[in-house]
Amino acid sequence: MEGKVCVITGATSGLGLEAAERLAKMGARLLLVGRDPARGDAALARLRGAAPGASPSIYYGDLSRLSEMKRIAAAIGNAEPRIDVLINNAGSMFASRHETADGLEMTFALNHMAYFVITNLLLDRLQAPEPARIVSTASVAHFGQKLDFDDLQFKKRYSARQAYGRSKLANILFTRELARRLDGTGVTANCLHPGFVATRFGADNGLVARLAIRVAMLGAIGVEEGADTIVYLASSPEVSGLSGGYYQQRRLAQASVESQDLEAARRLWTESARISGIAV
């Protein structure tokens, strides 16, 4: 990974920061994407301490807003002629339904649309002569879920668990369709379940929801273990050239039947392009 440029969203804490530190120690140059300047400064200091030769940088923005997704992607694209690895990792769960400034349900916007927009706007930087990798954090929470294309924004009946699970299903369907579209380019796209990890996940909710999540996390694994498959997919020669997979603990895993619906993957792509206004 020496000298390779890695972009990581949701990188100022939890899985993203742990993956960033490990990749920095391997010689990668990290471009973090985060929202909070205080956590961002702390993340940069941690990376510089862990890998003194590293020169990480950070881009701040709200990845639940389409304009911010596009602004950050444009800023990175203008600064970097080449990106070797893109890790889509930002995400959360929301106890109650919230709409973004774009009128999108928050979970769908942050957990899916940010992946879609940033990836597509950085594709020209990823499709350089050398092979590049796109890694997206999904979850086993996608099991038992099916996208409702008549109500992707949960306007009829909101469920935090369903909204999160469907957003993770969207991550896998996005990866499948992205891999299909990138076939033959040298750029690979894979996704993963990191495990149930003790992080800041759900920290933007109210007190009751935060406490419930915190109790549930008593049996969670640490970020070191959770970030392992992210780093593996971003760096290991073992997965060089492999694309379209869903991984768990460094192995190809069996995803749900719904996540293998290629027609749903194409339909989600078309709808995401319409919502974002990106011609792809």
C-alpha atoms as a PDB file:
ATOM      1  CA  MET A   1       0.000   0.000   0.000  1.00  0.00           C
ATOM      2  CA  GLU A   2       3.071   2.244  -0.036  1.00  0.00           C
ATOM      3  CA  GLY A   3       2.106   5.565  -1.617  1.00  0.00           C
ATOM      4  CA  LYS A   4      -1.410   4.464  -2.547  1.00  0.00           C
ATOM      5  CA  VAL A   5      -4.172   7.052  -2.140  1.00  0.00           C
ATOM      6  CA  CYS A   6      -7.106   5.856  -0.019  1.00  0.00           C
ATOM      7  CA  VAL A   7     -10.336   7.781   0.509  1.00  0.00           C
ATOM      8  CA  ILE A   8     -12.417   6.737   3.544  1.00  0.00           C
ATOM      9  CA  THR A   9     -15.826   8.146   4.477  1.00  0.00           C
ATOM     10  CA  GLY A  10     -16.972   8.018   8.075  1.00  0.00           C
ATOM     11  CA  ALA A  11     -13.304   8.029   9.000  1.00  0.00           C
ATOM     12  CA  THR A  12     -13.052  10.120  12.171  1.00  0.00           C
ATOM     13  CA  SER A  13     -14.065   7.363  14.583  1.00  0.00           C
ATOM     14  CA  GLY A  14     -14.929   3.674  14.823  1.00  0.00           C
ATOM     15  CA  LEU A  15     -14.318   1.329  11.922  1.00  0.00           C
ATOM     16  CA  GLY A  16     -13.260   4.057   9.513  1.00  0.00           C
ATOM     17  CA  LEU A  17     -10.578   5.449  11.792  1.00  0.00           C
ATOM     18  CA  GLU A  18      -9.262   2.006  12.718  1.00  0.00           C
ATOM     19  CA  ALA A  19      -9.031   1.045   9.026  1.00  0.00           C
ATOM     20  CA  ALA A  20      -7.343   4.366   8.247  1.00  0.00           C
ATOM     21  CA  GLU A  21      -4.707   3.812  10.929  1.00  0.00           C
ATOM     22  CA  ARG A  22      -3.886   0.321   9.721  1.00  0.00           C
ATOM     23  CA  LEU A  23      -3.654   1.436   6.098  1.00  0.00           C
ATOM     24  CA  ALA A  24      -1.480   4.415   7.104  1.00  0.00           C
ATOM     25  CA  LYS A  25       0.917   2.029   8.854  1.00  0.00           C
ATOM     26  CA  MET A  26       1.094   0.094   5.573  1.00  0.00           C
ATOM     27  CA  GLY A  27       2.249   3.244   3.788  1.00  0.00           C
ATOM     28  CA  ALA A  28      -1.014   4.504   2.285  1.00  0.00           C
ATOM     29  CA  ARG A  29      -1.840   8.203   2.032  1.00  0.00           C
ATOM     30  CA  LEU A  30      -5.220   8.757   3.658  1.00  0.00           C
ATOM     31  CA  LEU A  31      -7.937  11.196   2.642  1.00  0.00           C
ATOM     32  CA  LEU A  32     -10.560  11.153   5.376  1.00  0.00           C
ATOM     33  CA  VAL A  33     -14.141  12.333   5.040  1.00  0.00           C
ATOM     34  CA  GLY A  34     -15.905  13.363   8.240  1.00  0.00           C
ATOM     35  CA  ARG A  35     -18.406  15.791   9.687  1.00  0.00           C
ATOM     36  CA  ASP A  36     -17.045  16.958  13.041  1.00  0.00           C
ATOM     37  CA  PRO A  37     -13.882  19.117  13.081  1.00  0.00           C
ATOM     38  CA  ALA A  38     -13.007  18.195  16.676  1.00  0.00           C
ATOM     39  CA  ARG A  39     -13.085  14.468  15.907  1.00  0.00           C
ATOM     40  CA  GLY A  40     -11.342  15.189  12.613  1.00  0.00           C
ATOM     41  CA  ASP A  41      -8.431  16.935  14.319  1.00  0.00           C
ATOM     42  CA  ALA A  42      -8.146  14.066  16.803  1.00  0.00           C
ATOM     43  CA  ALA A  43      -8.188  11.527  13.972  1.00  0.00           C
ATOM     44  CA  LEU A  44      -5.413  13.322  12.085  1.00  0.00           C
ATOM     45  CA  ALA A  45      -3.307  13.503  15.242  1.00  0.00           C
ATOM     46  CA  ARG A  46      -3.816   9.788  15.882  1.00  0.00           C
ATOM     47  CA  LEU A  47      -2.806   8.874  12.322  1.00  0.00           C
ATOM     48  CA  ARG A  48       0.303  11.046  12.441  1.00  0.00           C
ATOM     49  CA  GLY A  49       1.283   9.476  15.746  1.00  0.00           C
ATOM     50  CA  ALA A  50       0.714   5.940  14.507  1.00  0.00           C
ATOM     51  CA  ALA A  51       2.472   6.493  11.174  1.00  0.00           C
ATOM     52  CA  PRO A  52       4.907   9.428  11.500  1.00  0.00           C
ATOM     53  CA  GLY A  53       5.657   9.422   7.780  1.00  0.00           C
ATOM     54  CA  ALA A  54       1.983   9.690   6.839  1.00  0.00           C
ATOM     55  CA  SER A  55       0.455  12.901   5.566  1.00  0.00           C
ATOM     56  CA  PRO A  56      -3.294  12.408   6.038  1.00  0.00           C
ATOM     57  CA  SER A  57      -5.818  15.069   5.133  1.00  0.00           C
ATOM     58  CA  ILE A  58      -9.512  15.501   5.772  1.00  0.00           C
ATOM     59  CA  TYR A  59     -12.590  16.841   3.996  1.00  0.00           C
ATOM     60  CA  TYR A  60     -15.538  17.966   6.081  1.00  0.00           C
ATOM     61  CA  GLY A  61     -19.184  17.794   5.104  1.00  0.00           C
ATOM     62  CA  ASP A  62     -22.650  16.419   5.819  1.00  0.00           C
ATOM     63  CA  LEU A  63     -22.976  13.237   3.772  1.00  0.00           C
ATOM     64  CA  SER A  64     -26.747  13.164   4.198  1.00  0.00           C
ATOM     65  CA  ARG A  65     -27.062  16.108   1.769  1.00  0.00           C
ATOM     66  CA  LEU A  66     -26.682  15.655  -1.985  1.00  0.00           C
ATOM     67  CA  SER A  67     -24.969  19.032  -2.423  1.00  0.00           C
ATOM     68  CA  GLU A  68     -22.371  18.120   0.207  1.00  0.00           C
ATOM     69  CA  MET A  69     -21.734  14.676  -1.288  1.00  0.00           C
ATOM     70  CA  LYS A  70     -21.091  16.352  -4.632  1.00  0.00           C
ATOM     71  CA  ARG A  71     -18.970  19.147  -3.168  1.00  0.00           C
ATOM     72  CA  ILE A  72     -16.685  16.749  -1.288  1.00  0.00           C
ATOM     73  CA  ALA A  73     -16.324  14.433  -4.282  1.00  0.00           C
ATOM     74  CA  ALA A  74     -15.471  17.404  -6.502  1.00  0.00           C
ATOM     75  CA  ALA A  75     -12.895  18.696  -4.025  1.00  0.00           C
ATOM     76  CA  ILE A  76     -11.187  15.307  -3.801  1.00  0.00           C
ATOM     77  CA  GLY A  77     -11.330  14.808  -7.552  1.00  0.00           C
ATOM     78  CA  ASN A  78      -9.802  18.236  -8.188  1.00  0.00           C
ATOM     79  CA  ALA A  79      -6.977  17.574  -5.726  1.00  0.00           C
ATOM     80  CA  GLU A  80      -6.153  13.989  -6.691  1.00  0.00           C
ATOM     81  CA  PRO A  81      -5.365  12.785 -10.216  1.00  0.00           C
ATOM     82  CA  ARG A  82      -5.476   9.185  -9.011  1.00  0.00           C
ATOM     83  CA  ILE A  83      -7.334   7.280  -6.263  1.00  0.00           C
ATOM     84  CA  ASP A  84      -6.321   3.694  -5.503  1.00  0.00           C
ATOM     85  CA  VAL A  85      -8.927   2.765  -2.905  1.00  0.00           C
ATOM     86  CA  LEU A  86     -12.335   4.204  -2.028  1.00  0.00           C
ATOM     87  CA  ILE A  87     -13.882   2.939   1.211  1.00  0.00           C
ATOM     88  CA  ASN A  88     -17.555   3.816   1.631  1.00  0.00           C
ATOM     89  CA  ASN A  89     -18.124   3.514   5.353  1.00  0.00           C
ATOM     90  CA  ALA A  90     -20.224   6.431   6.660  1.00  0.00           C
ATOM     91  CA  GLY A  91     -23.590   5.406   8.060  1.00  0.00           C
ATOM     92  CA  SER A  92     -25.951   5.350  11.006  1.00  0.00           C
ATOM     93  CA  MET A  93     -29.370   4.280  12.299  1.00  0.00           C
ATOM     94  CA  PHE A  94     -32.089   6.742  13.286  1.00  0.00           C
ATOM     95  CA  ALA A  95     -34.754   5.912  15.856  1.00  0.00           C
ATOM     96  CA  SER A  96     -37.331   8.188  14.250  1.00  0.00           C
ATOM     97  CA  ARG A  97     -37.882   9.338  10.700  1.00  0.00           C
ATOM     98  CA  HIS A  98     -36.072  12.492   9.598  1.00  0.00           C
ATOM     99  CA  GLU A  99     -35.935  14.092   6.170  1.00  0.00           C
ATOM    100  CA  THR A 100     -32.820  15.708   4.780  1.00  0.00           C
ATOM    101  CA  ALA A 101     -32.782  19.095   3.073  1.00  0.00           C
ATOM    102  CA  ASP A 102     -33.350  17.156  -0.170  1.00  0.00           C
ATOM    103  CA  GLY A 103     -36.533  15.530   1.143  1.00  0.00           C
ATOM    104  CA  LEU A 104     -34.881  12.111   1.507  1.00  0.00           C
ATOM    105  CA  GLU A 105     -35.247   9.814   4.489  1.00  0.00           C
ATOM    106  CA  MET A 106     -32.038  10.241   6.497  1.00  0.00           C
ATOM    107  CA  THR A 107     -30.971   6.576   6.622  1.00  0.00           C
ATOM    108  CA  PHE A 108     -31.393   6.115   2.866  1.00  0.00           C
ATOM    109  CA  ALA A 109     -29.534   9.365   2.148  1.00  0.00           C
ATOM    110  CA  LEU A 110     -26.541   8.765   4.416  1.00  0.00           C
ATOM    111  CA  ASN A 111     -26.195   4.989   4.173  1.00  0.00           C
ATOM    112  CA  HIS A 112     -26.902   4.542   0.453  1.00  0.00           C
ATOM    113  CA  MET A 113     -26.984   7.758  -1.563  1.00  0.00           C
ATOM    114  CA  ALA A 114     -23.624   8.945  -0.208  1.00  0.00           C
ATOM    115  CA  TYR A 115     -22.047   5.693  -1.444  1.00  0.00           C
ATOM    116  CA  PHE A 116     -23.688   6.080  -4.838  1.00  0.00           C
ATOM    117  CA  VAL A 117     -22.879   9.755  -5.397  1.00  0.00           C
ATOM    118  CA  ILE A 118     -19.286   9.834  -4.157  1.00  0.00           C
ATOM    119  CA  THR A 119     -18.367   6.621  -5.954  1.00  0.00           C
ATOM    120  CA  ASN A 120     -19.787   7.729  -9.283  1.00  0.00           C
ATOM    121  CA  LEU A 121     -18.218  11.184  -9.106  1.00  0.00           C
ATOM    122  CA  LEU A 122     -14.789   9.697  -8.341  1.00  0.00           C
ATOM    123  CA  LEU A 123     -14.905   6.910 -10.924  1.00  0.00           C
ATOM    124  CA  ASP A 124     -12.687   8.755 -13.390  1.00  0.00           C
ATOM    125  CA  ARG A 125     -10.024   9.032 -10.667  1.00  0.00           C
ATOM    126  CA  LEU A 126     -10.393   5.327  -9.877  1.00  0.00           C
ATOM    127  CA  GLN A 127     -10.281   4.250 -13.528  1.00  0.00           C
ATOM    128  CA  ALA A 128      -6.631   5.150 -14.041  1.00  0.00           C
ATOM    129  CA  PRO A 129      -4.098   2.734 -15.610  1.00  0.00           C
ATOM    130  CA  GLU A 130      -3.512   0.735 -12.417  1.00  0.00           C
ATOM    131  CA  PRO A 131      -6.311  -1.356 -10.845  1.00  0.00           C
ATOM    132  CA  ALA A 132      -8.300   0.343  -8.070  1.00  0.00           C
ATOM    133  CA  ARG A 133     -10.647  -0.975  -5.396  1.00  0.00           C
ATOM    134  CA  ILE A 134     -14.013   0.160  -4.049  1.00  0.00           C
ATOM    135  CA  VAL A 135     -14.987  -1.257  -0.663  1.00  0.00           C
ATOM    136  CA  SER A 136     -18.413  -0.639   0.904  1.00  0.00           C
ATOM    137  CA  THR A 137     -19.500  -1.447   4.443  1.00  0.00           C
ATOM    138  CA  ALA A 138     -22.780  -3.381   4.438  1.00  0.00           C
ATOM    139  CA  SER A 139     -24.257  -5.599   7.186  1.00  0.00           C
ATOM    140  CA  VAL A 140     -26.054  -8.857   7.959  1.00  0.00           C
ATOM    141  CA  ALA A 141     -28.933  -6.533   8.882  1.00  0.00           C
ATOM    142  CA  HIS A 142     -29.924  -6.813   5.204  1.00  0.00           C
ATOM    143  CA  PHE A 143     -31.309 -10.305   5.807  1.00  0.00           C
ATOM    144  CA  GLY A 144     -35.095 -10.404   5.819  1.00  0.00           C
ATOM    145  CA  GLN A 145     -35.345  -7.118   3.941  1.00  0.00           C
ATOM    146  CA  LYS A 146     -36.660  -6.250   0.484  1.00  0.00           C
ATOM    147  CA  LEU A 147     -36.665  -2.836  -1.147  1.00  0.00           C
ATOM    148  CA  ASP A 148     -40.059  -1.189  -1.582  1.00  0.00           C
ATOM    149  CA  PHE A 149     -39.595   0.908  -4.702  1.00  0.00           C
ATOM    150  CA  ASP A 150     -42.987   2.504  -4.118  1.00  0.00           C
ATOM    151  CA  ASP A 151     -41.801   3.802  -0.750  1.00  0.00           C
ATOM    152  CA  LEU A 152     -37.994   3.981  -0.620  1.00  0.00           C
ATOM    153  CA  GLN A 153     -38.273   6.982   1.719  1.00  0.00           C
ATOM    154  CA  PHE A 154     -40.510   5.269   4.310  1.00  0.00           C
ATOM    155  CA  LYS A 155     -43.239   7.885   4.081  1.00  0.00           C
ATOM    156  CA  LYS A 156     -46.005   5.361   4.770  1.00  0.00           C
ATOM    157  CA  ARG A 157     -44.678   3.631   7.852  1.00  0.00           C
ATOM    158  CA  TYR A 158     -41.234   4.140   9.381  1.00  0.00           C
ATOM    159  CA  SER A 159     -39.250   1.476  11.192  1.00  0.00           C
ATOM    160  CA  ALA A 160     -35.668   2.215  12.250  1.00  0.00           C
ATOM    161  CA  ARG A 161     -34.712  -1.447  11.957  1.00  0.00           C
ATOM    162  CA  GLN A 162     -36.255  -1.797   8.492  1.00  0.00           C
ATOM    163  CA  ALA A 163     -34.814   1.487   7.261  1.00  0.00           C
ATOM    164  CA  TYR A 164     -31.333   0.454   8.355  1.00  0.00           C
ATOM    165  CA  GLY A 165     -31.676  -3.100   7.038  1.00  0.00           C
ATOM    166  CA  ARG A 166     -32.909  -1.908   3.658  1.00  0.00           C
ATOM    167  CA  SER A 167     -30.081   0.616   3.410  1.00  0.00           C
ATOM    168  CA  LYS A 168     -27.608  -2.236   3.959  1.00  0.00           C
ATOM    169  CA  LEU A 169     -29.431  -4.297   1.324  1.00  0.00           C
ATOM    170  CA  ALA A 170     -29.040  -1.275  -0.962  1.00  0.00           C
ATOM    171  CA  ASN A 171     -25.278  -1.321  -0.277  1.00  0.00           C
ATOM    172  CA  ILE A 172     -25.030  -4.890  -1.553  1.00  0.00           C
ATOM    173  CA  LEU A 173     -27.262  -4.302  -4.574  1.00  0.00           C
ATOM    174  CA  PHE A 174     -25.215  -1.182  -5.369  1.00  0.00           C
ATOM    175  CA  THR A 175     -22.021  -3.237  -5.173  1.00  0.00           C
ATOM    176  CA  ARG A 176     -23.432  -5.926  -7.485  1.00  0.00           C
ATOM    177  CA  GLU A 177     -24.486  -3.417 -10.153  1.00  0.00           C
ATOM    178  CA  LEU A 178     -21.288  -1.383  -9.784  1.00  0.00           C
ATOM    179  CA  ALA A 179     -19.178  -4.508 -10.282  1.00  0.00           C
ATOM    180  CA  ARG A 180     -21.185  -5.382 -13.389  1.00  0.00           C
ATOM    181  CA  ARG A 181     -20.674  -1.922 -14.842  1.00  0.00           C
ATOM    182  CA  LEU A 182     -16.953  -1.922 -14.038  1.00  0.00           C
ATOM    183  CA  ASP A 183     -16.289  -5.350 -15.515  1.00  0.00           C
ATOM    184  CA  GLY A 184     -13.192  -5.180 -17.701  1.00  0.00           C
ATOM    185  CA  THR A 185     -11.969  -1.822 -16.335  1.00  0.00           C
ATOM    186  CA  GLY A 186      -9.620  -3.230 -13.693  1.00  0.00           C
ATOM    187  CA  VAL A 187     -11.597  -1.519 -10.920  1.00  0.00           C
ATOM    188  CA  THR A 188     -13.183  -3.921  -8.422  1.00  0.00           C
ATOM    189  CA  ALA A 189     -16.140  -3.382  -6.080  1.00  0.00           C
ATOM    190  CA  ASN A 190     -16.800  -5.495  -3.003  1.00  0.00           C
ATOM    191  CA  CYS A 191     -18.781  -5.112   0.211  1.00  0.00           C
ATOM    192  CA  LEU A 192     -18.668  -6.668   3.654  1.00  0.00           C
ATOM    193  CA  HIS A 193     -20.291  -7.309   6.998  1.00  0.00           C
ATOM    194  CA  PRO A 194     -17.816  -6.108   9.657  1.00  0.00           C
ATOM    195  CA  GLY A 195     -19.589  -7.810  12.559  1.00  0.00           C
ATOM    196  CA  PHE A 196     -21.539  -6.137  15.347  1.00  0.00           C
ATOM    197  CA  VAL A 197     -18.964  -3.584  16.416  1.00  0.00           C
ATOM    198  CA  ALA A 198     -18.790  -1.276  19.452  1.00  0.00           C
ATOM    199  CA  THR A 199     -18.577   2.190  17.829  1.00  0.00           C
ATOM    200  CA  ARG A 200     -20.351   5.578  17.935  1.00  0.00           C
ATOM    201  CA  PHE A 201     -23.080   3.984  15.818  1.00  0.00           C
ATOM    202  CA  GLY A 202     -26.453   5.658  16.458  1.00  0.00           C
ATOM    203  CA  ALA A 203     -24.905   8.455  18.532  1.00  0.00           C
ATOM    204  CA  ASP A 204     -27.099  11.096  16.872  1.00  0.00           C
ATOM    205  CA  ASN A 205     -30.301   9.660  18.351  1.00  0.00           C
ATOM    206  CA  GLY A 206     -32.107  10.692  21.524  1.00  0.00           C
ATOM    207  CA  LEU A 207     -31.129   9.494  24.981  1.00  0.00           C
ATOM    208  CA  VAL A 208     -33.423   6.457  25.110  1.00  0.00           C
ATOM    209  CA  ALA A 209     -32.320   5.163  21.700  1.00  0.00           C
ATOM    210  CA  ARG A 210     -28.654   5.788  22.515  1.00  0.00           C
ATOM    211  CA  LEU A 211     -28.944   3.865  25.760  1.00  0.00           C
ATOM    212  CA  ALA A 212     -30.673   0.945  24.018  1.00  0.00           C
ATOM    213  CA  ILE A 213     -27.912   0.790  21.412  1.00  0.00           C
ATOM    214  CA  ARG A 214     -25.255   1.045  24.113  1.00  0.00           C
ATOM    215  CA  VAL A 215     -26.774  -1.884  26.017  1.00  0.00           C
ATOM    216  CA  ALA A 216     -26.927  -3.942  22.812  1.00  0.00           C
ATOM    217  CA  MET A 217     -23.245  -3.201  22.222  1.00  0.00           C
ATOM    218  CA  LEU A 218     -22.202  -4.882  25.469  1.00  0.00           C
ATOM    219  CA  GLY A 219     -21.699  -8.055  23.439  1.00  0.00           C
ATOM    220  CA  ALA A 220     -20.126  -6.339  20.448  1.00  0.00           C
ATOM    221  CA  ILE A 221     -16.647  -6.953  19.066  1.00  0.00           C
ATOM    222  CA  GLY A 222     -13.902  -4.331  19.061  1.00  0.00           C
ATOM    223  CA  VAL A 223     -13.112  -2.011  16.163  1.00  0.00           C
ATOM    224  CA  GLU A 224      -9.812  -3.818  15.557  1.00  0.00           C
ATOM    225  CA  GLU A 225     -11.650  -7.013  14.627  1.00  0.00           C
ATOM    226  CA  GLY A 226     -14.444  -5.159  12.859  1.00  0.00           C
ATOM    227  CA  ALA A 227     -12.102  -3.214  10.587  1.00  0.00           C
ATOM    228  CA  ASP A 228     -10.098  -6.280   9.596  1.00  0.00           C
ATOM    229  CA  THR A 229     -12.158  -7.250   6.544  1.00  0.00           C
ATOM    230  CA  ILE A 230     -12.266  -3.630   5.349  1.00  0.00           C
ATOM    231  CA  VAL A 231      -8.462  -3.504   5.375  1.00  0.00           C
ATOM    232  CA  TYR A 232      -8.280  -6.962   3.802  1.00  0.00           C
ATOM    233  CA  LEU A 233     -10.488  -5.972   0.852  1.00  0.00           C
ATOM    234  CA  ALA A 234      -8.630  -2.681   0.449  1.00  0.00           C
ATOM    235  CA  SER A 235      -5.132  -4.144   0.453  1.00  0.00           C
ATOM    236  CA  SER A 236      -4.785  -7.915   0.161  1.00  0.00           C
ATOM    237  CA  PRO A 237      -3.404  -9.457  -3.033  1.00  0.00           C
ATOM    238  CA  GLU A 238      -5.687 -12.421  -2.323  1.00  0.00           C
ATOM    239  CA  VAL A 239      -8.698 -10.466  -3.613  1.00  0.00           C
ATOM    240  CA  SER A 240      -6.941  -8.740  -6.489  1.00  0.00           C
ATOM    241  CA  GLY A 241      -9.243  -8.818  -9.512  1.00  0.00           C
ATOM    242  CA  LEU A 242     -12.195 -10.243  -7.560  1.00  0.00           C
ATOM    243  CA  SER A 243     -15.362  -8.156  -7.734  1.00  0.00           C
ATOM    244  CA  GLY A 244     -19.012  -8.147  -6.767  1.00  0.00           C
ATOM    245  CA  GLY A 245     -18.552 -10.122  -3.557  1.00  0.00           C
ATOM    246  CA  TYR A 246     -20.036  -9.886  -0.078  1.00  0.00           C
ATOM    247  CA  TYR A 247     -17.461 -10.775   2.589  1.00  0.00           C
ATOM    248  CA  GLN A 248     -17.385 -11.617   6.266  1.00  0.00           C
ATOM    249  CA  GLN A 249     -14.250 -12.406   8.277  1.00  0.00           C
ATOM    250  CA  ARG A 250     -12.123 -12.238   5.118  1.00  0.00           C
ATOM    251  CA  ARG A 251     -14.237 -14.855   3.350  1.00  0.00           C
ATOM    252  CA  LEU A 252     -16.929 -14.721   0.709  1.00  0.00           C
ATOM    253  CA  ALA A 253     -20.205 -15.035   2.569  1.00  0.00           C
ATOM    254  CA  GLN A 254     -23.710 -16.013   1.545  1.00  0.00           C
ATOM    255  CA  ALA A 255     -25.900 -12.924   1.322  1.00  0.00           C
ATOM    256  CA  SER A 256     -29.690 -12.969   1.164  1.00  0.00           C
ATOM    257  CA  VAL A 257     -31.651 -14.051  -1.889  1.00  0.00           C
ATOM    258  CA  GLU A 258     -32.967 -10.482  -2.225  1.00  0.00           C
ATOM    259  CA  SER A 259     -29.408  -9.119  -2.416  1.00  0.00           C
ATOM    260  CA  GLN A 260     -28.802 -11.253  -5.515  1.00  0.00           C
ATOM    261  CA  ASP A 261     -31.742  -9.787  -7.447  1.00  0.00           C
ATOM    262  CA  LEU A 262     -29.948  -8.192 -10.403  1.00  0.00           C
ATOM    263  CA  GLU A 263     -33.122  -6.538 -11.658  1.00  0.00           C
ATOM    264  CA  ALA A 264     -33.601  -4.851  -8.281  1.00  0.00           C
ATOM    265  CA  ALA A 265     -29.933  -3.774  -8.399  1.00  0.00           C
ATOM    266  CA  ARG A 266     -30.454  -2.152 -11.817  1.00  0.00           C
ATOM    267  CA  ARG A 267     -33.681  -0.508 -10.695  1.00  0.00           C
ATOM    268  CA  LEU A 268     -32.039   0.896  -7.557  1.00  0.00           C
ATOM    269  CA  TRP A 269     -29.200   2.264  -9.684  1.00  0.00           C
ATOM    270  CA  THR A 270     -31.634   3.993 -12.035  1.00  0.00           C
ATOM    271  CA  GLU A 271     -33.610   5.470  -9.154  1.00  0.00           C
ATOM    272  CA  SER A 272     -30.449   6.622  -7.367  1.00  0.00           C
ATOM    273  CA  ALA A 273     -29.243   8.324 -10.550  1.00  0.00           C
ATOM    274  CA  ARG A 274     -32.604  10.093 -10.868  1.00  0.00           C
ATOM    275  CA  ILE A 275     -32.574  11.256  -7.245  1.00  0.00           C
ATOM    276  CA  SER A 276     -28.986  12.489  -7.422  1.00  0.00           C
ATOM    277  CA  GLY A 277     -29.245  14.046 -10.855  1.00  0.00           C
ATOM    278  CA  ILE A 278     -26.094  12.223 -11.921  1.00  0.00           C
ATOM    279  CA  ALA A 279     -26.071  10.904 -15.487  1.00  0.00           C
ATOM    280  CA  VAL A 280     -24.571   7.422 -15.241  1.00  0.00           C
END
